[in-house]
Protein backbone atom coordinates (compact mmCIF):
# COMPACT_ATOMS: atom_id res chain seq x y z
CA MET A 1 -0.18 -0.07 0.30
CA THR A 2 1.61 3.63 -0.93
CA PRO A 3 0.13 6.24 1.70
CA ALA A 4 -1.15 9.43 0.70
CA PRO A 5 0.83 12.12 -0.01
CA ARG A 6 1.28 14.67 3.11
CA GLY A 7 2.22 18.13 3.63
CA ALA A 8 3.02 20.24 6.49
CA SER A 9 1.28 23.72 7.14
CA GLY A 10 1.39 24.91 10.36
CA GLY A 11 2.19 21.90 12.24
CA ARG A 12 -0.81 20.04 10.66
CA GLU A 13 -0.22 17.01 8.23
CA PHE A 14 -3.17 17.10 5.03
CA PHE A 15 -3.69 14.01 3.25
CA ALA A 16 -5.38 13.54 0.23
CA THR A 17 -9.17 12.45 -0.02
CA ARG A 18 -9.47 8.92 -2.11
CA THR A 19 -11.90 8.01 -4.54
CA LEU A 20 -14.13 4.68 -3.03
CA ALA A 21 -13.02 2.85 -5.62
CA GLU A 22 -8.90 3.81 -4.75
CA ALA A 23 -10.03 2.88 -1.37
CA LEU A 24 -11.24 -0.43 -2.44
CA ALA A 25 -8.22 -0.97 -4.51
CA GLY A 26 -5.55 0.63 -2.71
CA PHE A 27 -5.86 -0.10 0.39
CA ARG A 28 -5.26 -3.61 1.15
CA PRO A 29 -3.61 -4.81 4.51
CA GLN A 30 -1.66 -7.61 4.63
CA ARG A 31 -3.14 -9.45 7.94
CA ARG A 32 -5.15 -12.35 7.48
CA THR A 33 -6.41 -14.48 10.28
CA PRO A 34 -4.71 -17.65 10.95
CA ALA A 35 -6.67 -21.36 10.20
CA GLU A 36 -8.18 -22.87 12.23
CA THR A 37 -10.25 -26.52 11.66
CA ILE A 38 -14.05 -26.94 12.84
CA PRO A 39 -16.42 -29.59 11.32
CA ILE A 40 -18.60 -29.11 8.72
CA THR A 41 -21.67 -28.64 11.09
CA SER A 42 -20.43 -25.43 12.13
CA ALA A 43 -18.46 -24.23 8.71
CA LEU A 44 -21.77 -23.06 7.00
CA HIS A 45 -20.42 -18.57 5.91
CA ARG A 46 -16.98 -19.62 6.91
CA VAL A 47 -13.84 -18.79 4.42
CA PRO A 48 -11.85 -22.01 4.03
CA ALA A 49 -8.30 -21.50 4.37
CA ALA A 50 -7.60 -23.47 1.32
CA PRO A 51 -8.73 -25.56 -1.60
CA VAL A 52 -10.47 -28.82 -0.77
CA THR A 53 -10.10 -31.65 -3.13
CA ALA A 54 -12.05 -34.57 -3.76
CA ALA A 55 -10.36 -38.14 -2.89
CA HIS A 56 -12.04 -40.05 -5.00
CA ALA A 57 -14.95 -39.78 -7.61
CA LEU A 58 -18.25 -38.58 -6.89
CA PRO A 59 -20.98 -40.05 -6.92
CA GLY A 60 -17.97 -42.86 -7.27
CA PHE A 61 -20.68 -45.43 -9.87
CA ALA A 62 -22.86 -44.73 -12.45
CA ARG A 63 -26.24 -44.10 -11.24
CA SER A 64 -29.85 -43.74 -13.03
CA THR A 65 -31.52 -40.53 -12.55
CA VAL A 66 -34.95 -42.16 -13.23
CA ASP A 67 -37.34 -44.77 -12.38
CA GLY A 68 -37.09 -47.02 -15.54
CA TYR A 69 -35.09 -49.66 -17.02
CA ALA A 70 -31.59 -50.02 -17.87
CA VAL A 71 -30.74 -50.86 -21.18
CA ARG A 72 -28.54 -50.97 -24.01
CA ALA A 73 -28.87 -47.87 -26.22
CA ALA A 74 -29.22 -49.73 -29.38
CA ASP A 75 -31.75 -51.80 -28.59
CA THR A 76 -34.32 -48.29 -29.01
CA TYR A 77 -33.22 -47.39 -31.78
CA GLY A 78 -35.60 -47.07 -34.31
CA VAL A 79 -38.74 -47.47 -31.50
CA SER A 80 -41.71 -45.25 -31.42
CA GLU A 81 -45.41 -45.42 -30.62
CA GLY A 82 -46.16 -46.71 -33.50
CA LEU A 83 -43.35 -49.66 -33.93
CA PRO A 84 -42.71 -50.37 -30.19
CA GLY A 85 -39.30 -52.88 -29.15
CA TYR A 86 -39.27 -55.36 -26.91
CA LEU A 87 -37.46 -56.32 -23.82
CA ASP A 88 -36.86 -59.10 -21.94
CA VAL A 89 -36.91 -58.06 -18.47
CA ALA A 90 -33.80 -59.67 -16.65
CA GLY A 91 -34.35 -58.65 -12.91
CA ALA A 92 -34.36 -55.68 -10.92
CA VAL A 93 -31.68 -53.47 -9.14
CA ARG A 94 -32.07 -52.91 -5.47
CA MET A 95 -31.00 -49.37 -3.29
CA GLY A 96 -28.10 -49.30 -1.75
CA ALA A 97 -27.21 -52.35 -3.41
CA ALA A 98 -24.69 -53.26 -6.24
CA PRO A 99 -26.23 -55.01 -8.68
CA ASP A 100 -26.62 -58.91 -8.85
CA VAL A 101 -27.75 -59.37 -12.61
CA ALA A 102 -26.51 -57.83 -16.07
CA VAL A 103 -28.04 -56.37 -19.19
CA GLY A 104 -27.64 -58.10 -22.13
CA PRO A 105 -28.46 -57.57 -25.88
CA GLY A 106 -32.20 -57.63 -25.78
CA THR A 107 -32.61 -57.39 -22.22
CA ALA A 108 -33.68 -54.76 -19.56
CA VAL A 109 -33.46 -54.53 -15.80
CA ALA A 110 -35.64 -52.32 -13.79
CA MET A 111 -33.62 -49.30 -11.62
CA PRO A 112 -35.41 -47.02 -8.92
CA THR A 113 -33.72 -43.66 -9.38
CA GLY A 114 -30.36 -43.82 -7.60
CA GLY A 115 -29.89 -47.40 -8.07
CA MET A 116 -26.49 -48.25 -9.65
CA LEU A 117 -26.25 -49.18 -13.00
CA PRO A 118 -26.05 -52.87 -13.92
CA PRO A 119 -22.89 -54.03 -15.94
CA GLY A 120 -23.85 -54.01 -20.01
CA ALA A 121 -26.18 -51.32 -19.62
CA ASP A 122 -25.28 -47.81 -20.82
CA ALA A 123 -28.49 -45.65 -20.50
CA VAL A 124 -31.59 -45.56 -18.69
CA VAL A 125 -35.09 -45.42 -20.60
CA MET A 126 -38.09 -44.24 -18.35
CA ILE A 127 -40.99 -46.18 -16.95
CA GLU A 128 -43.21 -43.49 -18.84
CA TYR A 129 -42.11 -44.62 -22.00
CA THR A 130 -42.20 -48.33 -21.40
CA ALA A 131 -45.46 -50.53 -20.74
CA GLU A 132 -45.97 -54.31 -19.77
CA ALA A 133 -46.40 -56.42 -22.66
CA ALA A 134 -46.65 -60.10 -21.43
CA SER A 135 -44.89 -61.22 -17.89
CA GLY A 136 -41.44 -60.56 -18.15
CA THR A 137 -41.30 -58.35 -21.12
CA ILE A 138 -41.68 -54.50 -21.45
CA GLU A 139 -42.49 -52.26 -24.84
CA VAL A 140 -40.42 -48.82 -25.46
CA VAL A 141 -41.84 -47.02 -27.26
CA ARG A 142 -39.07 -43.87 -27.03
CA PRO A 143 -35.56 -44.35 -27.97
CA VAL A 144 -32.51 -43.16 -25.70
CA ALA A 145 -29.09 -42.51 -26.56
CA PRO A 146 -26.22 -43.42 -24.54
CA GLY A 147 -25.82 -41.70 -21.31
CA ASP A 148 -29.52 -40.83 -21.19
CA GLY A 149 -30.82 -41.26 -17.70
CA VAL A 150 -27.33 -41.58 -16.15
CA VAL A 151 -25.24 -40.19 -14.14
CA ARG A 152 -21.31 -40.97 -14.82
CA ALA A 153 -19.51 -42.54 -11.88
CA ASP A 154 -17.33 -39.30 -11.58
CA GLU A 155 -20.19 -36.49 -13.06
CA ASP A 156 -20.43 -34.60 -9.86
CA ALA A 157 -16.33 -34.41 -9.14
CA ALA A 158 -13.65 -36.67 -10.79
CA ALA A 159 -11.09 -37.87 -8.15
CA GLY A 160 -8.46 -34.88 -7.18
CA ALA A 161 -10.94 -32.51 -8.35
CA GLY A 162 -11.72 -29.10 -6.77
CA LEU A 163 -15.08 -29.19 -4.10
CA VAL A 164 -14.56 -26.17 -2.45
CA PRO A 165 -12.05 -23.31 -3.64
CA ALA A 166 -10.44 -21.63 -0.61
CA GLY A 167 -11.70 -17.42 -0.25
CA ARG A 168 -15.18 -18.37 -0.31
CA PRO A 169 -17.66 -18.62 2.38
CA LEU A 170 -19.05 -21.59 2.07
CA ARG A 171 -23.28 -21.72 1.68
CA ALA A 172 -25.54 -24.99 2.81
CA GLN A 173 -24.51 -26.47 -1.34
CA ASP A 174 -20.91 -26.42 -0.64
CA LEU A 175 -21.57 -28.68 2.67
CA GLY A 176 -23.39 -31.16 1.19
CA MET A 177 -20.83 -31.50 -1.60
CA LEU A 178 -18.11 -32.06 1.01
CA ALA A 179 -20.48 -34.40 2.90
CA ALA A 180 -21.37 -36.48 -0.73
CA ALA A 181 -17.21 -36.73 -0.23
CA GLY A 182 -16.23 -37.84 3.34
CA VAL A 183 -15.13 -34.58 4.54
CA THR A 184 -16.60 -34.22 7.77
CA SER A 185 -13.71 -31.13 8.90
CA VAL A 186 -12.57 -28.17 7.02
CA SER A 187 -9.62 -25.46 7.72
CA VAL A 188 -10.95 -22.28 7.56
CA HIS A 189 -9.86 -18.64 8.55
CA ALA A 190 -10.35 -17.48 12.29
CA CYS A 191 -13.24 -15.21 12.13
CA PRO A 192 -11.45 -11.63 12.83
CA ARG A 193 -11.56 -9.72 15.88
CA VAL A 194 -12.95 -6.45 15.45
CA THR A 195 -12.79 -3.88 18.43
CA ILE A 196 -15.48 -1.42 17.99
CA PHE A 197 -14.67 2.47 20.11
CA SER A 198 -16.98 5.15 20.00
CA THR A 199 -15.69 8.60 21.21
CA GLY A 200 -17.01 12.14 22.42
CA ASP A 201 -17.64 13.59 25.34
CA GLU A 202 -21.30 13.43 24.52
CA VAL A 203 -21.74 9.70 23.84
CA VAL A 204 -23.35 7.83 26.69
CA PRO A 205 -24.24 3.73 26.89
CA PRO A 206 -27.25 3.13 25.36
CA GLY A 207 -29.01 1.88 28.27
CA THR A 208 -28.57 5.54 29.66
CA GLN A 209 -32.25 6.28 30.61
CA ALA A 210 -31.90 9.90 31.30
CA LEU A 211 -30.01 11.95 28.78
CA LEU A 212 -28.63 15.60 29.91
CA PRO A 213 -28.45 17.85 27.75
CA GLY A 214 -26.36 17.65 24.65
CA GLN A 215 -25.88 14.12 25.21
CA VAL A 216 -26.96 10.75 23.24
CA ARG A 217 -27.18 7.36 23.07
CA ASP A 218 -24.36 5.01 21.35
CA ALA A 219 -25.84 3.85 18.52
CA THR A 220 -23.23 3.39 16.07
CA ALA A 221 -21.67 0.79 18.18
CA VAL A 222 -24.38 -1.47 18.52
CA ALA A 223 -25.13 -1.60 14.32
CA LEU A 224 -21.71 -1.53 13.54
CA ALA A 225 -21.14 -5.00 15.58
CA ALA A 226 -23.89 -6.44 13.59
CA LEU A 227 -22.72 -5.25 9.94
CA VAL A 228 -19.16 -7.20 11.52
CA THR A 229 -21.07 -10.02 11.99
CA GLU A 230 -22.73 -10.06 8.62
CA ALA A 231 -19.17 -9.66 7.40
CA GLY A 232 -17.91 -12.95 9.14
CA GLY A 233 -16.26 -11.04 11.95
CA GLU A 234 -16.08 -11.43 15.60
CA PRO A 235 -17.28 -7.63 17.26
CA ALA A 236 -15.44 -6.89 20.40
CA GLU A 237 -16.68 -3.73 22.91
CA GLY A 238 -13.71 -1.47 23.02
CA GLY A 239 -16.26 1.03 25.12
CA ILE A 240 -16.76 4.86 24.36
CA VAL A 241 -13.79 7.53 24.90
CA ALA A 242 -13.94 10.74 25.88
CA ASP A 243 -12.55 13.47 23.38
CA ASP A 244 -8.84 13.73 24.87
CA PRO A 245 -6.70 12.11 22.23
CA GLY A 246 -4.11 10.94 24.58
CA LEU A 247 -6.88 8.47 26.49
CA LEU A 248 -7.96 7.28 22.89
CA GLU A 249 -4.08 6.46 21.79
CA THR A 250 -4.04 4.41 25.05
CA ALA A 251 -7.28 2.32 24.59
CA LEU A 252 -5.39 2.10 20.92
CA ARG A 253 -2.13 0.90 21.96
CA ALA A 254 -4.31 -1.32 24.24
CA ALA A 255 -6.48 -2.68 22.03
CA ILE A 256 -4.23 -3.24 18.87
CA GLY A 257 -2.25 -6.69 20.28
CA GLY A 258 -5.48 -8.95 20.80
CA SER A 259 -7.76 -6.84 17.40
CA ASP A 260 -7.29 -8.37 13.55
CA LEU A 261 -9.20 -4.54 12.75
CA ILE A 262 -10.12 -1.61 14.98
CA VAL A 263 -13.26 0.71 14.36
CA ILE A 264 -13.40 4.31 15.47
CA SER A 265 -16.10 6.20 15.18
CA ALA A 266 -15.20 9.60 15.24
CA GLY A 267 -16.18 13.30 17.12
CA SER A 268 -18.23 14.95 14.08
CA SER A 269 -15.76 18.44 15.29
CA VAL A 270 -13.10 18.85 12.73
CA GLY A 271 -11.04 19.19 16.20
CA ALA A 272 -11.95 15.43 17.27
CA ARG A 273 -10.94 13.87 14.18
CA ASP A 274 -7.82 15.50 13.76
CA GLU A 275 -7.51 14.42 17.19
CA THR A 276 -8.20 10.88 15.95
CA ALA A 277 -6.09 10.98 12.94
CA ALA A 278 -3.56 12.02 15.15
CA ALA A 279 -3.84 9.26 17.86
CA VAL A 280 -3.87 6.27 15.00
CA GLY A 281 -0.61 7.98 13.22
CA ARG A 282 1.08 7.17 16.28
CA LEU A 283 0.49 3.39 16.80
CA GLY A 284 2.64 2.27 14.25
CA GLU A 285 3.99 2.45 10.84
CA PRO A 286 3.26 2.74 7.90
CA GLY A 287 0.14 4.52 9.42
CA ILE A 288 -2.48 6.60 7.48
CA TRP A 289 -3.26 5.61 4.25
CA CYS A 290 -5.86 8.60 3.50
CA HIS A 291 -7.58 10.48 5.65
CA GLY A 292 -10.89 11.85 3.29
CA LEU A 293 -12.99 9.89 0.98
CA ALA A 294 -14.71 11.56 -2.41
CA ILE A 295 -18.03 10.36 -1.03
CA HIS A 296 -21.21 11.36 0.70
CA PRO A 297 -21.90 10.23 3.20
CA GLY A 298 -18.98 10.07 5.23
CA LYS A 299 -16.13 12.29 3.54
CA PRO A 300 -14.36 12.20 6.97
CA THR A 301 -13.23 8.92 6.59
CA LEU A 302 -9.54 7.38 7.89
CA LEU A 303 -7.77 4.68 6.76
CA ALA A 304 -4.47 3.39 8.62
CA ASP A 305 -2.67 0.46 8.91
CA CYS A 306 -0.65 0.69 11.84
CA ALA A 307 1.37 -1.99 12.92
CA GLY A 308 -0.20 -4.55 10.42
CA VAL A 309 -3.61 -4.29 12.11
CA PRO A 310 -6.10 -2.23 10.24
CA VAL A 311 -8.17 0.38 11.34
CA ILE A 312 -10.93 2.75 9.94
CA GLY A 313 -11.93 6.23 11.45
CA LEU A 314 -15.67 6.66 10.44
CA PRO A 315 -17.59 9.68 10.80
CA GLY A 316 -19.47 10.55 13.89
CA ASN A 317 -22.52 10.75 12.61
CA PRO A 318 -24.66 7.22 12.53
CA ARG A 319 -25.83 7.09 8.72
CA SER A 320 -22.59 8.43 7.88
CA ALA A 321 -20.76 5.35 10.28
CA LEU A 322 -22.72 3.06 8.53
CA VAL A 323 -22.67 3.81 4.86
CA ILE A 324 -18.82 4.13 4.85
CA PHE A 325 -18.59 0.63 6.49
CA ARG A 326 -20.72 -0.98 4.34
CA LEU A 327 -19.23 0.15 1.64
CA VAL A 328 -15.22 0.23 2.98
CA GLY A 329 -15.39 -1.27 6.64
CA MET A 330 -16.81 -4.92 5.39
CA PRO A 331 -14.58 -5.34 2.82
CA LEU A 332 -12.04 -4.90 5.07
CA VAL A 333 -13.55 -7.59 7.81
CA ARG A 334 -13.72 -10.06 4.58
CA LEU A 335 -10.30 -9.55 3.50
CA THR A 336 -8.73 -9.88 6.48
CA GLY A 337 -10.61 -13.11 7.61
CA GLY A 338 -9.15 -14.30 3.97
CA CYS A 339 -12.37 -13.72 2.04
CA THR A 340 -11.30 -12.61 -1.74
CA SER A 341 -14.28 -14.44 -3.34
CA PRO A 342 -17.49 -11.92 -1.66
CA PRO A 343 -21.17 -13.24 -1.70
CA PRO A 344 -22.68 -10.55 -4.41
CA GLU A 345 -25.16 -8.07 -2.78
CA PRO A 346 -28.82 -8.77 -3.63
CA ALA A 347 -29.74 -6.27 -6.23
CA VAL A 348 -32.72 -5.15 -7.78
CA ARG A 349 -33.81 -2.63 -11.34
CA ALA A 350 -35.75 0.27 -10.67
CA ARG A 351 -36.87 3.59 -12.08
CA LEU A 352 -36.41 6.63 -9.88
CA ASP A 353 -39.45 8.40 -9.45
CA ARG A 354 -37.93 11.89 -9.01
CA ASP A 355 -34.85 13.48 -9.61
CA VAL A 356 -31.75 13.34 -7.59
CA ALA A 357 -28.88 16.31 -7.68
CA SER A 358 -25.60 15.04 -7.08
CA ALA A 359 -22.08 17.04 -7.17
CA ALA A 360 -19.62 16.07 -9.34
CA GLY A 361 -16.31 14.52 -8.63
CA ARG A 362 -17.78 12.61 -5.52
CA LEU A 363 -19.76 9.68 -5.44
CA ASP A 364 -23.28 9.86 -3.89
CA VAL A 365 -25.40 7.00 -2.20
CA VAL A 366 -28.55 7.62 -1.91
CA GLN A 367 -30.82 5.48 0.22
CA VAL A 368 -34.19 4.45 -1.61
CA ARG A 369 -37.28 2.74 -0.78
CA VAL A 370 -38.84 0.37 -3.63
CA ALA A 371 -41.80 -0.33 -4.85
CA GLY A 372 -43.80 -1.45 -7.62
CA GLY A 373 -40.75 -1.12 -9.87
CA CYS A 374 -39.67 2.32 -8.22
CA ALA A 375 -37.15 3.85 -6.50
CA THR A 376 -38.05 6.71 -4.22
CA PRO A 377 -34.71 8.83 -2.65
CA LEU A 378 -35.29 9.17 0.88
CA PHE A 379 -33.38 11.92 2.17
CA GLY A 380 -32.40 13.62 5.25
CA MET A 381 -29.22 15.09 7.59
CA SER A 382 -26.64 12.44 7.77
CA ALA A 383 -27.37 12.62 11.81
CA LEU A 384 -30.55 10.71 11.13
CA LEU A 385 -31.02 6.97 11.36
CA SER A 386 -34.34 7.17 10.57
CA VAL A 387 -33.66 7.39 6.87
CA LEU A 388 -31.59 3.95 7.05
CA THR A 389 -34.01 1.85 8.88
CA ALA A 390 -36.85 3.79 6.04
CA ALA A 391 -34.82 2.48 3.49
CA ASP A 392 -35.10 -0.94 1.41
CA GLY A 393 -31.54 -0.24 -0.51
CA TYR A 394 -29.56 2.31 -2.04
CA VAL A 395 -28.18 3.66 -4.92
CA ILE A 396 -24.91 5.01 -5.59
CA ILE A 397 -24.33 7.89 -8.36
CA PRO A 398 -21.30 7.95 -9.60
CA GLU A 399 -18.26 10.79 -9.39
CA GLU A 400 -18.72 12.17 -13.08
CA ALA A 401 -22.45 11.97 -12.69
CA THR A 402 -24.36 15.40 -11.62
CA GLY A 403 -27.26 14.05 -11.04
CA LEU A 404 -30.03 11.26 -12.35
CA ASP A 405 -33.32 12.23 -13.66
CA ALA A 406 -36.81 10.87 -12.47
CA GLY A 407 -36.69 7.35 -15.08
CA THR A 408 -33.69 7.42 -14.88
CA GLU A 409 -32.96 3.09 -14.32
CA VAL A 410 -30.95 2.27 -11.54
CA GLU A 411 -29.62 -0.36 -9.43
CA VAL A 412 -30.45 -0.74 -6.14
CA THR A 413 -28.25 -2.75 -3.50
CA LEU A 414 -30.79 -4.51 -1.12
CA TYR A 415 -30.30 -4.47 2.08
CA GLY A 416 -30.80 -8.13 3.62
């Protein structure tokens, strides 16, 4: 990572503002959580630390995909409803057992779905295309080709083939594939431990019943912890730190050794943001990567790599903090936890039902409500959480745009 250019004026350091794209592509801390081995029954959404391969072919034997009769495909060529073919039934395959009968010229073997294909057969004709012509004889009214109605022995996976890749969170179907291959445990990255600090003389715990004038309950830390969990991390409470750079630096130094990532919800004032940046800047090299993103809401965002631990400094306004953490923080939590192929976010196309203004040169994140194919923009001050709770998702207006007209088709990223 290349730190942002900086210069001094009157004793203060100034850091270049980055775009969101630059932050996502350029701020790539090297920290990764170690691997641990867990049972697959506990591995949903965990991130494999290494690829898992098949020890043997899957399903391991050729089997039927339909109820019907195992046949030699050549014995059905040319048959039709007007000119059926006739085959002698040599026996039946039982589920969970190897066939004790083979298919020869002019014969068929009754097959259940999932049964093992008997020797001599190369296809299965569906029972719907057969009829009993006489005791021990069937008529076939539709031809089949070799491989019809059959899963090959290695069709799910060949021996040595990849079952699940490293870096992609495990899904239910991945766990099913591992179980089918006889894999009962998997090496995964440990969940990143993310320590969350709130700062500000005005911030008090959520359980505070009676607020003094000027006090606000800490809504941001609870919501950030939920987003950390959603991203696969393990949130840790850093607590509320007063607007004192010495106290903040002390708290950060105490947390850095036991954290994989640190998140600071900083004070809203310019002075408080500067004090947060100063405290972070003293934690270790390479230090602050940027102090400011060309985005609204959330411009006063800080990104740093301090002695190998990523640090995110968020705006003090709850809505700004949550918007930025969803766009920048959650990808960092996933990356630190070894996730290189994050799951796609749900999205829907809709048309704006009113004009949306935007300033060129910055990326705007607009909250919207979606109904009937229309996206209704929701506006309000960045301190208002109600805008987020009323939203179904958000629309991103790129830096080069100066707004979007009503009727424009947009992609709405939906909240889960």
